[in-house]
Protein backbone atom coordinates (compact mmCIF):
# COMPACT_ATOMS: atom_id res chain seq x y z
CA MET A 1 -19.73 -1.30 37.90
CA ASN A 2 -16.06 -1.19 36.85
CA ARG A 3 -14.47 -2.94 33.90
CA GLN A 4 -13.45 -6.01 35.87
CA GLN A 5 -16.97 -6.52 37.27
CA ARG A 6 -18.75 -6.39 33.91
CA ALA A 7 -19.11 -9.63 31.99
CA PRO A 8 -16.32 -9.42 29.40
CA PHE A 9 -16.98 -9.81 25.70
CA LEU A 10 -14.11 -12.31 25.59
CA SER A 11 -11.57 -13.43 28.17
CA LEU A 12 -8.53 -15.59 28.80
CA ASN A 13 -8.15 -16.97 32.30
CA HIS A 14 -4.70 -18.55 32.82
CA ALA A 15 -4.98 -19.96 29.30
CA THR A 16 -2.28 -21.96 27.54
CA PHE A 17 -2.35 -23.03 23.88
CA ARG A 18 -0.38 -25.69 22.05
CA LEU A 19 1.35 -25.23 18.72
CA GLY A 20 2.71 -28.55 17.51
CA ASP A 21 4.95 -29.85 20.26
CA ARG A 22 5.34 -26.58 22.18
CA LEU A 23 3.20 -24.43 24.45
CA VAL A 24 2.46 -20.81 23.56
CA PHE A 25 0.94 -17.95 25.54
CA GLU A 26 1.29 -19.96 28.71
CA ASP A 27 -0.84 -18.88 31.67
CA SER A 28 -2.24 -15.86 29.80
CA CYS A 29 -4.91 -13.63 31.32
CA TRP A 30 -6.82 -10.99 29.36
CA LEU A 31 -10.20 -9.24 29.41
CA PHE A 32 -11.80 -7.90 26.24
CA GLY A 33 -14.58 -5.59 27.49
CA GLU A 34 -17.97 -5.51 25.81
CA ARG A 35 -17.56 -1.93 24.57
CA GLU A 36 -13.91 -2.09 23.64
CA HIS A 37 -11.98 -2.40 20.37
CA TRP A 38 -8.49 -3.88 20.63
CA ALA A 39 -5.23 -4.01 18.71
CA ILE A 40 -2.50 -6.62 19.07
CA ILE A 41 0.94 -5.19 18.38
CA GLY A 42 4.27 -6.99 18.12
CA GLY A 43 7.18 -7.75 15.84
CA ASN A 44 7.42 -10.48 13.24
CA GLY A 45 7.34 -13.86 14.96
CA SER A 46 6.07 -12.46 18.26
CA GLY A 47 2.90 -14.56 18.14
CA LYS A 48 0.24 -12.01 17.15
CA SER A 49 -1.43 -14.20 14.54
CA LEU A 50 -1.01 -17.30 16.71
CA LEU A 51 -3.01 -15.68 19.48
CA ALA A 52 -5.71 -14.78 16.97
CA ASP A 53 -5.77 -18.43 15.89
CA GLY A 54 -6.20 -19.42 19.52
CA LEU A 55 -9.13 -17.03 19.96
CA ARG A 56 -10.75 -18.51 16.85
CA GLY A 57 -10.40 -22.07 18.14
CA ARG A 58 -7.66 -22.92 15.63
CA LEU A 59 -5.12 -23.86 18.33
CA PRO A 60 -5.77 -26.45 21.07
CA LEU A 61 -6.42 -24.92 24.49
CA VAL A 62 -4.52 -27.21 26.89
CA ALA A 63 -4.91 -25.30 30.17
CA GLY A 64 -6.99 -22.51 31.65
CA GLU A 65 -10.10 -21.04 30.09
CA LEU A 66 -11.12 -19.17 26.94
CA ARG A 67 -14.59 -17.72 27.45
CA TYR A 68 -16.83 -16.03 24.90
CA GLY A 69 -19.17 -13.57 26.59
CA PHE A 70 -21.20 -12.79 23.47
CA ARG A 71 -24.23 -14.67 22.20
CA PRO A 72 -23.55 -16.47 18.89
CA ALA A 73 -25.95 -16.14 15.97
CA GLN A 74 -28.65 -18.79 15.83
CA GLY A 75 -27.27 -22.07 14.55
CA SER A 76 -23.64 -20.92 14.86
CA THR A 77 -20.88 -21.54 17.37
CA ALA A 78 -18.97 -18.68 18.99
CA GLN A 79 -15.91 -19.49 16.86
CA GLU A 80 -18.01 -19.27 13.69
CA CYS A 81 -19.04 -15.75 14.67
CA ILE A 82 -15.43 -14.54 14.64
CA GLY A 83 -14.42 -13.17 11.23
CA HIS A 84 -10.84 -13.04 10.04
CA VAL A 85 -9.23 -11.11 7.17
CA SER A 86 -5.55 -11.57 6.43
CA PHE A 87 -3.03 -11.53 3.61
CA GLU A 88 -2.48 -15.20 4.47
CA GLU A 89 -6.08 -15.93 3.50
CA ARG A 90 -5.05 -15.38 -0.13
CA LYS A 91 -3.18 -18.70 -0.02
CA ALA A 92 -6.45 -20.56 -0.43
CA ASN A 93 -7.16 -18.67 -3.66
CA VAL A 94 -3.74 -18.81 -5.33
CA ARG A 95 -1.75 -21.70 -3.86
CA GLU A 96 -2.71 -24.15 -6.60
CA THR A 97 -1.97 -21.66 -9.38
CA VAL A 98 1.47 -20.99 -10.80
CA VAL A 99 2.40 -17.31 -10.74
CA GLN A 100 2.30 -16.60 -14.48
CA SER A 101 -1.07 -18.33 -14.97
CA ARG A 102 -2.74 -15.25 -13.52
CA TRP A 103 -2.06 -13.34 -16.72
CA ASN A 104 -3.17 -16.20 -18.97
CA SER A 105 -6.41 -16.37 -16.97
CA LEU A 106 -7.03 -12.70 -17.68
CA GLU A 107 -6.68 -13.39 -21.40
CA ASP A 108 -9.15 -16.29 -21.52
CA GLU A 109 -11.53 -14.74 -18.96
CA SER A 110 -11.40 -17.71 -16.61
CA GLY A 111 -11.28 -17.66 -12.85
CA LEU A 112 -13.65 -16.99 -9.98
CA SER A 113 -15.78 -13.86 -10.26
CA VAL A 114 -16.37 -11.49 -7.35
CA GLN A 115 -20.09 -12.27 -7.51
CA GLU A 116 -19.32 -15.98 -7.13
CA PHE A 117 -16.86 -15.25 -4.32
CA LEU A 118 -19.64 -13.46 -2.41
CA ALA A 119 -22.32 -16.09 -3.09
CA PHE A 120 -24.36 -17.41 -0.15
CA GLU A 121 -23.30 -21.04 -0.55
CA ARG A 122 -19.61 -20.19 -0.84
CA VAL A 123 -19.45 -17.70 2.03
CA MET A 124 -21.53 -19.81 4.41
CA ASP A 125 -19.86 -23.05 3.27
CA ILE A 126 -23.13 -24.69 2.19
CA ASN A 127 -23.41 -27.51 -0.31
CA PRO A 128 -25.08 -25.91 -3.38
CA PHE A 129 -26.96 -29.16 -4.07
CA GLU A 130 -28.41 -29.34 -0.57
CA ILE A 131 -32.22 -29.32 -0.42
CA ASN A 132 -33.24 -27.60 2.79
CA LYS A 133 -36.28 -25.34 2.97
CA SER A 134 -35.15 -23.99 6.36
CA ARG A 135 -32.30 -22.16 4.59
CA GLY A 136 -34.72 -19.54 3.29
CA ARG A 137 -34.63 -17.34 6.39
CA GLU A 138 -30.84 -17.73 6.67
CA ARG A 139 -30.43 -16.73 3.03
CA ARG A 140 -32.60 -13.62 3.45
CA GLN A 141 -30.55 -12.52 6.46
CA PHE A 142 -27.36 -13.15 4.48
CA GLU A 143 -28.56 -11.05 1.55
CA GLY A 144 -29.39 -8.21 3.93
CA ARG A 145 -25.88 -8.26 5.41
CA LYS A 146 -24.39 -8.51 1.92
CA ARG A 147 -26.25 -5.40 0.69
CA LYS A 148 -24.96 -3.42 3.69
CA ALA A 149 -21.38 -4.67 3.18
CA ILE A 150 -21.42 -3.81 -0.53
CA GLN A 151 -22.72 -0.33 0.25
CA LEU A 152 -20.27 0.27 3.10
CA LEU A 153 -17.22 -0.80 1.09
CA HIS A 154 -18.38 0.60 -2.28
CA VAL A 155 -17.68 -2.66 -4.11
CA GLN A 156 -20.68 -2.63 -6.45
CA PRO A 157 -18.46 -1.79 -9.49
CA PHE A 158 -16.32 -4.89 -8.84
CA LEU A 159 -19.10 -7.50 -8.73
CA GLY A 160 -18.88 -8.38 -12.41
CA ARG A 161 -15.10 -8.72 -12.41
CA ARG A 162 -12.89 -11.69 -11.63
CA LEU A 163 -10.83 -11.86 -8.47
CA LEU A 164 -7.56 -12.08 -10.40
CA THR A 165 -8.19 -8.69 -12.03
CA LEU A 166 -8.45 -6.81 -8.74
CA SER A 167 -5.73 -4.59 -7.29
CA ASN A 168 -4.55 -5.04 -3.71
CA GLY A 169 -6.86 -2.30 -2.52
CA GLU A 170 -9.85 -3.77 -4.33
CA THR A 171 -9.06 -7.27 -3.09
CA GLN A 172 -8.86 -6.04 0.48
CA ARG A 173 -12.32 -4.48 0.20
CA ILE A 174 -13.80 -7.66 -1.28
CA GLN A 175 -12.28 -9.84 1.45
CA LEU A 176 -13.65 -7.52 4.11
CA ALA A 177 -17.08 -7.43 2.46
CA ARG A 178 -17.12 -11.22 2.37
CA GLU A 179 -16.53 -11.47 6.11
CA LEU A 180 -19.22 -8.88 6.81
CA CYS A 181 -21.71 -11.07 4.96
CA ARG A 182 -21.47 -13.53 7.84
CA PRO A 183 -23.27 -13.15 11.22
CA LEU A 184 -20.21 -11.84 13.07
CA ARG A 185 -19.74 -10.72 16.63
CA LEU A 186 -15.96 -10.13 16.38
CA LEU A 187 -13.90 -9.14 13.33
CA ILE A 188 -10.14 -9.81 13.41
CA LEU A 189 -8.14 -7.83 10.84
CA ASP A 190 -4.58 -9.12 10.50
CA GLU A 191 -2.41 -6.36 8.94
CA PRO A 192 -5.40 -4.66 7.26
CA PHE A 193 -3.26 -1.96 5.63
CA THR A 194 -0.87 -4.39 3.93
CA GLY A 195 -0.21 -3.45 0.30
CA LEU A 196 -2.52 -0.43 0.36
CA ASP A 197 -1.75 3.06 -0.89
CA ALA A 198 -2.38 6.10 1.31
CA GLU A 199 -5.89 6.70 -0.04
CA ASN A 200 -6.98 3.11 0.54
CA ARG A 201 -5.46 3.13 4.04
CA ARG A 202 -7.56 6.20 4.83
CA TYR A 203 -10.64 4.51 3.42
CA ILE A 204 -10.18 1.33 5.49
CA ARG A 205 -9.81 3.53 8.60
CA HIS A 206 -13.10 5.20 7.66
CA VAL A 207 -14.78 1.78 7.32
CA LEU A 208 -13.45 0.69 10.72
CA GLU A 209 -14.80 3.88 12.26
CA ARG A 210 -18.22 3.08 10.81
CA LEU A 211 -18.06 -0.48 12.12
CA ARG A 212 -17.08 0.79 15.56
CA ARG A 213 -20.51 2.39 15.86
CA THR A 214 -22.25 -0.97 15.40
CA SER A 215 -22.49 -3.94 17.76
CA LEU A 216 -19.55 -5.59 15.99
CA ARG A 217 -16.28 -5.62 17.95
CA VAL A 218 -12.97 -5.16 16.12
CA LEU A 219 -9.50 -6.61 16.83
CA VAL A 220 -6.66 -5.24 14.66
CA ILE A 221 -3.28 -6.97 14.38
CA THR A 222 -0.30 -4.95 13.16
CA THR A 223 3.46 -4.56 13.31
CA ARG A 224 3.06 -0.78 12.85
CA PRO A 225 1.79 1.16 15.89
CA GLU A 226 1.50 4.23 13.67
CA ASP A 227 -1.23 2.44 11.68
CA LEU A 228 -3.61 2.05 14.62
CA PRO A 229 -7.10 3.30 13.69
CA ALA A 230 -8.52 6.10 15.84
CA GLY A 231 -11.35 3.93 17.15
CA ILE A 232 -9.05 1.41 18.84
CA THR A 233 -9.54 1.80 22.59
CA HIS A 234 -7.12 -0.79 23.97
CA VAL A 235 -3.78 -2.30 22.97
CA MET A 236 -2.10 -5.60 23.72
CA GLU A 237 1.61 -5.97 23.09
CA VAL A 238 3.06 -9.46 22.60
CA ALA A 239 6.61 -10.77 22.40
CA GLU A 240 7.97 -14.32 22.33
CA CYS A 241 4.38 -15.67 22.43
CA LYS A 242 3.64 -13.88 25.69
CA ILE A 243 1.41 -10.95 26.58
CA VAL A 244 3.76 -8.22 27.82
CA PHE A 245 1.26 -5.37 28.04
CA ALA A 246 -2.52 -4.94 27.93
CA GLY A 247 -4.25 -1.63 28.58
CA THR A 248 -5.77 1.47 27.05
CA GLN A 249 -4.27 3.05 23.97
CA ARG A 250 -3.45 6.12 26.06
CA GLU A 251 -1.48 3.97 28.50
CA PHE A 252 0.28 2.24 25.62
CA SER A 253 1.25 5.59 24.06
CA ASN A 254 2.55 7.04 27.33
CA PRO A 255 6.24 7.86 26.71
CA ASN A 256 7.01 7.25 30.38
CA ARG A 257 5.81 3.68 30.19
CA CYS A 258 8.62 1.18 30.47
CA ARG A 259 8.00 -0.66 27.23
CA ASN A 260 9.54 -3.81 26.01
CA ARG A 261 12.09 -2.38 23.58
CA SER A 262 12.42 -5.56 21.62
CA LEU A 263 9.30 -6.51 19.67
CA ASN A 264 10.01 -9.99 18.40
CA ARG A 265 13.41 -11.12 19.44
CA SER A 266 12.11 -14.68 19.68
CA VAL A 267 13.78 -15.76 16.46
CA THR A 268 16.38 -13.11 15.77
CA ARG A 269 18.00 -13.36 19.22
CA ARG A 270 19.42 -16.69 18.20
CA ASN A 271 21.09 -15.01 15.26
CA GLU A 272 21.93 -11.55 16.65
CA ASN A 273 25.65 -12.28 16.62
CA LYS A 274 25.44 -13.19 12.93
CA ALA A 275 22.96 -10.65 11.59
CA ILE A 276 23.96 -7.32 10.10
CA LYS A 277 24.36 -4.67 12.79
CA PRO A 278 23.27 -1.04 12.34
CA GLY A 279 26.06 1.11 10.98
CA THR A 280 28.09 -1.79 9.56
CA SER A 281 28.72 -2.41 5.90
CA TRP A 282 26.72 -5.19 4.34
CA LYS A 283 29.79 -6.57 2.59
CA SER A 284 31.88 -6.47 5.78
CA SER A 285 29.44 -8.93 7.33
CA LEU A 286 29.82 -11.47 4.55
CA PRO A 287 31.21 -14.82 5.69
CA ASP A 288 34.33 -16.26 4.12
CA LEU A 289 32.80 -17.58 0.92
CA GLN A 290 35.94 -19.30 -0.31
CA LYS A 291 36.27 -21.81 2.50
CA LYS A 292 35.72 -25.50 1.86
CA GLU A 293 32.52 -27.19 2.91
CA LYS A 294 32.38 -30.97 2.62
CA GLY A 295 35.11 -30.91 -0.01
CA ILE A 296 33.49 -28.19 -2.10
CA THR A 297 35.35 -25.03 -2.92
CA THR A 298 33.49 -22.11 -4.41
CA THR A 299 33.57 -18.35 -4.56
CA ILE A 300 30.64 -15.96 -4.59
CA THR A 301 31.59 -12.83 -6.47
CA THR A 302 30.50 -9.68 -4.66
CA ALA A 303 32.77 -7.26 -6.48
CA ILE A 304 31.34 -4.35 -8.40
CA LYS A 305 29.96 -5.53 -11.72
CA ILE A 306 31.35 -3.90 -14.83
CA LYS A 307 28.73 -1.41 -15.99
CA ASN A 308 28.36 -1.35 -19.76
CA ASN A 309 25.45 1.05 -19.50
CA ASP A 310 23.43 -1.62 -21.29
CA GLU A 311 19.69 -1.27 -21.54
CA LEU A 312 18.13 -3.90 -19.32
CA VAL A 313 14.54 -2.81 -19.98
CA ARG A 314 13.00 -0.59 -22.67
CA MET A 315 9.31 0.06 -23.31
CA ARG A 316 7.92 2.05 -26.22
CA ASN A 317 4.34 3.29 -26.03
CA VAL A 318 3.25 0.20 -24.08
CA THR A 319 -0.49 -0.24 -23.61
CA VAL A 320 -2.22 -3.10 -21.78
CA ALA A 321 -5.99 -3.49 -21.70
CA TYR A 322 -8.48 -6.21 -20.77
CA GLY A 323 -11.78 -5.70 -22.50
CA ALA A 324 -12.82 -2.07 -22.08
CA ARG A 325 -10.49 -1.59 -19.11
CA THR A 326 -7.07 -0.02 -19.79
CA ILE A 327 -4.38 -0.82 -17.23
CA LEU A 328 -1.30 0.79 -18.82
CA ASP A 329 -1.58 3.55 -21.40
CA GLY A 330 1.36 4.65 -23.57
CA ILE A 331 4.24 3.84 -21.20
CA ASN A 332 7.73 4.83 -22.36
CA TRP A 333 10.54 3.80 -20.02
CA ARG A 334 14.16 2.73 -20.07
CA VAL A 335 16.23 1.06 -17.33
CA ARG A 336 20.01 1.01 -17.82
CA GLU A 337 22.42 -1.23 -15.99
CA GLY A 338 23.43 0.29 -12.65
CA GLU A 339 20.46 2.72 -12.64
CA SER A 340 17.92 1.66 -10.03
CA TRP A 341 14.34 2.91 -10.00
CA ALA A 342 11.48 3.27 -7.56
CA LEU A 343 8.17 2.28 -9.16
CA LEU A 344 5.31 4.17 -7.50
CA GLY A 345 1.59 4.62 -8.02
CA PRO A 346 -1.75 4.00 -6.32
CA ASN A 347 -3.49 0.61 -6.15
CA GLY A 348 -4.80 -0.24 -9.61
CA SER A 349 -2.30 1.92 -11.52
CA GLY A 350 -0.67 -1.11 -13.19
CA LYS A 351 2.59 -1.57 -11.27
CA THR A 352 2.24 -5.35 -11.05
CA THR A 353 1.14 -5.51 -14.70
CA LEU A 354 4.23 -3.57 -15.77
CA LEU A 355 6.48 -5.96 -13.83
CA SER A 356 4.77 -8.96 -15.42
CA LEU A 357 5.74 -7.64 -18.88
CA ILE A 358 9.39 -7.56 -17.83
CA GLN A 359 9.38 -10.98 -16.17
CA GLY A 360 7.85 -12.73 -19.16
CA ASP A 361 4.61 -13.73 -17.44
CA ASN A 362 2.15 -11.51 -19.29
CA PRO A 363 1.29 -12.54 -22.88
CA GLN A 364 0.48 -8.92 -23.77
CA ALA A 365 4.24 -8.29 -23.85
CA TYR A 366 4.15 -9.74 -27.37
CA ARG A 367 1.64 -7.12 -28.52
CA ASN A 368 3.91 -4.28 -27.42
CA GLU A 369 7.44 -3.06 -27.92
CA VAL A 370 8.99 -4.50 -24.77
CA PHE A 371 12.75 -5.13 -24.79
CA VAL A 372 14.35 -7.08 -21.94
CA PHE A 373 18.12 -7.53 -21.80
CA GLY A 374 18.43 -6.19 -25.34
CA LYS A 375 15.91 -8.54 -26.96
CA ARG A 376 12.39 -7.73 -27.96
CA ARG A 377 9.81 -10.00 -26.36
CA GLY A 378 8.68 -12.53 -28.90
CA SER A 379 11.98 -12.65 -30.79
CA GLY A 380 12.60 -16.28 -29.87
CA GLU A 381 13.81 -16.07 -26.27
CA SER A 382 12.26 -18.41 -23.70
CA ILE A 383 10.65 -17.24 -20.48
CA TRP A 384 13.37 -19.05 -18.54
CA GLU A 385 16.14 -17.18 -20.37
CA ILE A 386 14.61 -14.02 -18.94
CA LYS A 387 13.91 -15.34 -15.44
CA LYS A 388 17.44 -16.68 -14.93
CA GLN A 389 18.71 -13.08 -15.14
CA ILE A 390 16.11 -11.64 -12.77
CA GLY A 391 15.96 -11.89 -8.99
CA TRP A 392 12.44 -11.41 -7.63
CA VAL A 393 11.23 -10.68 -4.10
CA SER A 394 7.53 -10.27 -3.43
CA PRO A 395 4.95 -11.25 -0.79
CA GLU A 396 2.92 -12.65 -3.69
CA LEU A 397 5.81 -15.00 -4.50
CA GLN A 398 5.97 -16.00 -0.85
CA ILE A 399 2.44 -17.40 -0.73
CA HIS A 400 2.98 -19.70 -3.72
CA PHE A 401 5.51 -21.92 -1.96
CA ASP A 402 4.34 -25.25 -0.60
CA ASP A 403 4.06 -25.58 3.18
CA SER A 404 6.72 -28.31 3.20
CA THR A 405 9.37 -26.23 1.38
CA THR A 406 12.45 -25.74 3.54
CA CYS A 407 14.44 -22.52 3.67
CA LEU A 408 17.33 -24.15 1.80
CA GLU A 409 15.02 -25.48 -0.92
CA ALA A 410 13.42 -22.06 -1.32
CA VAL A 411 16.82 -20.43 -1.85
CA GLU A 412 18.01 -23.19 -4.19
CA SER A 413 14.90 -22.71 -6.35
CA GLY A 414 16.25 -19.26 -7.21
CA PHE A 415 18.85 -20.74 -9.55
CA ARG A 416 16.11 -21.82 -11.96
CA GLY A 417 13.52 -19.16 -11.11
CA THR A 418 10.89 -21.72 -10.15
CA VAL A 419 8.48 -21.58 -7.24
CA GLY A 420 9.69 -24.74 -5.55
CA LEU A 421 12.57 -27.11 -6.19
CA PHE A 422 11.83 -29.43 -9.10
CA GLU A 423 15.39 -30.50 -9.97
CA PRO A 424 18.14 -31.47 -7.53
CA PRO A 425 20.69 -28.64 -7.20
CA THR A 426 24.34 -29.20 -7.92
CA ALA A 427 26.79 -29.41 -5.03
CA ARG A 428 28.09 -25.95 -5.92
CA GLN A 429 24.59 -24.47 -6.00
CA ARG A 430 23.74 -25.98 -2.64
CA HIS A 431 26.90 -24.53 -1.14
CA ILE A 432 26.17 -21.05 -2.54
CA ALA A 433 22.60 -21.23 -1.21
CA ARG A 434 23.85 -22.14 2.26
CA GLN A 435 26.29 -19.24 2.19
CA TRP A 436 23.58 -16.75 1.33
CA LEU A 437 21.50 -18.04 4.21
CA ALA A 438 24.56 -17.60 6.40
CA GLN A 439 24.81 -14.00 5.19
CA PHE A 440 21.44 -13.27 6.79
CA GLY A 441 22.12 -15.27 9.94
CA LEU A 442 19.78 -18.09 8.91
CA LEU A 443 22.19 -20.95 8.35
CA GLU A 444 20.85 -22.92 11.30
CA MET A 445 17.39 -22.82 9.73
CA VAL A 446 18.28 -24.52 6.43
CA SER A 447 16.06 -27.49 7.25
CA GLU A 448 13.21 -25.48 8.76
CA PRO A 449 10.02 -25.06 6.71
CA LEU A 450 9.89 -21.61 5.14
CA PHE A 451 6.52 -20.89 6.75
CA ALA A 452 7.83 -21.81 10.20
CA LEU A 453 9.82 -18.54 10.16
CA SER A 454 8.43 -15.12 10.94
CA ALA A 455 7.29 -13.00 8.01
CA GLY A 456 10.42 -10.87 8.29
CA LEU A 457 12.79 -13.81 8.14
CA GLN A 458 10.81 -15.37 5.28
CA ARG A 459 11.47 -12.17 3.33
CA MET A 460 15.20 -12.48 4.03
CA VAL A 461 15.11 -16.04 2.68
CA LEU A 462 13.46 -14.72 -0.50
CA LEU A 463 16.15 -12.03 -0.85
CA ALA A 464 18.79 -14.76 -0.58
CA ARG A 465 16.84 -16.69 -3.23
CA ALA A 466 16.90 -13.66 -5.53
CA LEU A 467 20.65 -13.15 -5.14
CA VAL A 468 22.01 -16.70 -5.48
CA LYS A 469 22.30 -16.56 -9.27
CA GLY A 470 23.90 -13.10 -9.45
CA PRO A 471 21.00 -11.53 -11.38
CA ARG A 472 21.39 -8.60 -13.76
CA LEU A 473 18.12 -7.12 -12.47
CA LEU A 474 16.45 -7.25 -9.05
CA ILE A 475 12.67 -6.77 -8.90
CA LEU A 476 11.62 -5.93 -5.35
CA ASP A 477 7.83 -5.75 -5.29
CA GLU A 478 6.71 -4.27 -1.95
CA PRO A 479 9.44 -6.25 -0.17
CA CYS A 480 8.83 -4.63 3.24
CA GLN A 481 5.12 -5.42 3.25
CA GLY A 482 4.17 -6.95 6.61
CA LEU A 483 7.59 -6.43 8.21
CA ASP A 484 8.15 -4.85 11.61
CA ALA A 485 10.43 -1.82 12.05
CA GLU A 486 13.50 -3.91 12.85
CA HIS A 487 13.18 -6.14 9.81
CA ARG A 488 12.26 -3.23 7.54
CA ALA A 489 15.40 -1.36 8.57
CA LEU A 490 17.54 -4.44 8.01
CA PHE A 491 16.06 -5.18 4.61
CA VAL A 492 16.36 -1.58 3.37
CA ARG A 493 19.95 -1.37 4.63
CA VAL A 494 20.97 -4.57 2.84
CA VAL A 495 19.36 -3.46 -0.42
CA ASP A 496 20.91 0.01 -0.13
CA GLU A 497 24.39 -1.52 0.22
CA LEU A 498 23.75 -3.70 -2.82
CA LEU A 499 22.74 -0.72 -4.94
CA ARG A 500 25.03 1.98 -3.56
CA ASN A 501 28.00 1.23 -5.80
CA GLY A 502 26.00 0.20 -8.84
CA SER A 503 26.85 -3.47 -8.49
CA GLU A 504 23.14 -4.31 -8.80
CA THR A 505 20.23 -2.77 -10.67
CA ALA A 506 16.80 -2.81 -9.05
CA ILE A 507 13.18 -1.88 -9.64
CA TYR A 508 11.74 -1.20 -6.20
CA VAL A 509 7.97 -1.02 -5.67
CA THR A 510 6.42 0.46 -2.54
CA HIS A 511 3.53 2.54 -1.24
CA ARG A 512 5.66 3.98 1.57
CA LEU A 513 8.28 6.52 0.55
CA GLU A 514 10.27 6.01 3.75
CA GLU A 515 11.00 2.42 2.64
CA ILE A 516 12.86 3.45 -0.53
CA PRO A 517 16.62 2.79 -0.12
CA PRO A 518 18.57 6.09 -0.27
CA SER A 519 20.64 4.82 -3.22
CA ILE A 520 17.59 4.86 -5.49
CA LYS A 521 17.38 8.28 -7.15
CA ARG A 522 15.05 7.63 -10.11
CA ILE A 523 11.27 7.37 -9.92
CA LEU A 524 8.61 6.16 -12.34
CA LYS A 525 5.16 7.06 -11.05
CA LEU A 526 2.07 5.51 -12.64
CA ARG A 527 -1.48 6.78 -12.45
CA VAL A 528 -4.79 4.95 -12.67
CA SER A 529 -6.02 5.02 -16.26
CA PRO A 530 -9.43 6.71 -16.66
């Protein structure tokens, strides 16, 4: 019996989904065989995650058929037997919390523990006050799956800790363990290697290889074909919310295959005449920033800043610990104006903690000798005096914005360093914000919600937000995380132009050395404290 004759594990038969007022993946056909493991590949905005939402029943199916060929667990629907792990899932945990409150929570030991996060009632969405004797068998099955997940992912040491204390690598393991506690038939992993160092990427591949030997089917979503795990048998490529290829991984990797050379042009095509082109200078693509707009005249200064060789950051024997756990141990570091640094180190080495000391979010800055812009922390400066001189880009920042925030509002919030716009901007500030959006070819999207853009274009909006106030220091915390090759190249090129002549000073965090802009010559590498 060939592949087409076997009952598929999952299939689309001329299916069409609806997203808001538009149709996506119109008339799509696809067979997911019962012994196959798939990957969905495409650029930012190509529709990868949308299709996953459709498979999970999160998008209305308006035509055709979506058929599940697997048998759901007793008492569950097919959709409930599809697990999903994604960076976006973190929104539910952090959206209601302001960024700096994370560090205050660590001080007062508040926040959800890992043990609570993996509790039966929370994972299975059961009312803890419900009285139902029939839950006994379900609970026993859950505890069995939980023991296997904890063993597989080696998360026993984390169970007594709080979620906020975990590194990216640890958080990824806990999220995956949580999904494996459920009676799954299909596990969808959306960018599973996001924010992970090389060792943790290897470990997640090992876990996926172990899962491949079970009855669980795996579907991986990624913008990076080079990250495909070895156990993936088939690949689907999507672009502009359409399936453009579906076949074996060998067929996908065939160099003679006529591939769609443009992964995700769905959004950027509209702006390709405005966006920065390869080989052109970033400054040469700037619009005329002195023209009048609605009677407003303003100038954005892009000339080289005068370098006084001032110390922007200095740390003397800085140590940060929570309880018996030391995060940073005896750090000595100095950042001078015009001298940009790459900040490297494995998950859990304290990179984010170090940045929080600089940005004024972490109260342990007052216990240490931390000088920012020439002043020692705790000498009377306010947190906002610090933040107004720092431009920050981070995927973590991205998830704190409200769903209704427009691109223009997100950029305007950069003037005050807030996550969201709480005070009306001045006419001059609004004009400058619009011009920075124009710089990245996004002027026509000023009224669009930030989260309506692809991940790559959202990151460009955040870079514009960081630059509007002409900061003395740029903090770029894994800025290329989740971006496809096209957007990564654009982002790195823009940052490189900014730093090349010393007009900006940056601290650039990444787990991928190839993403470091060539202009950055200095490296601070942290290690995990014993």
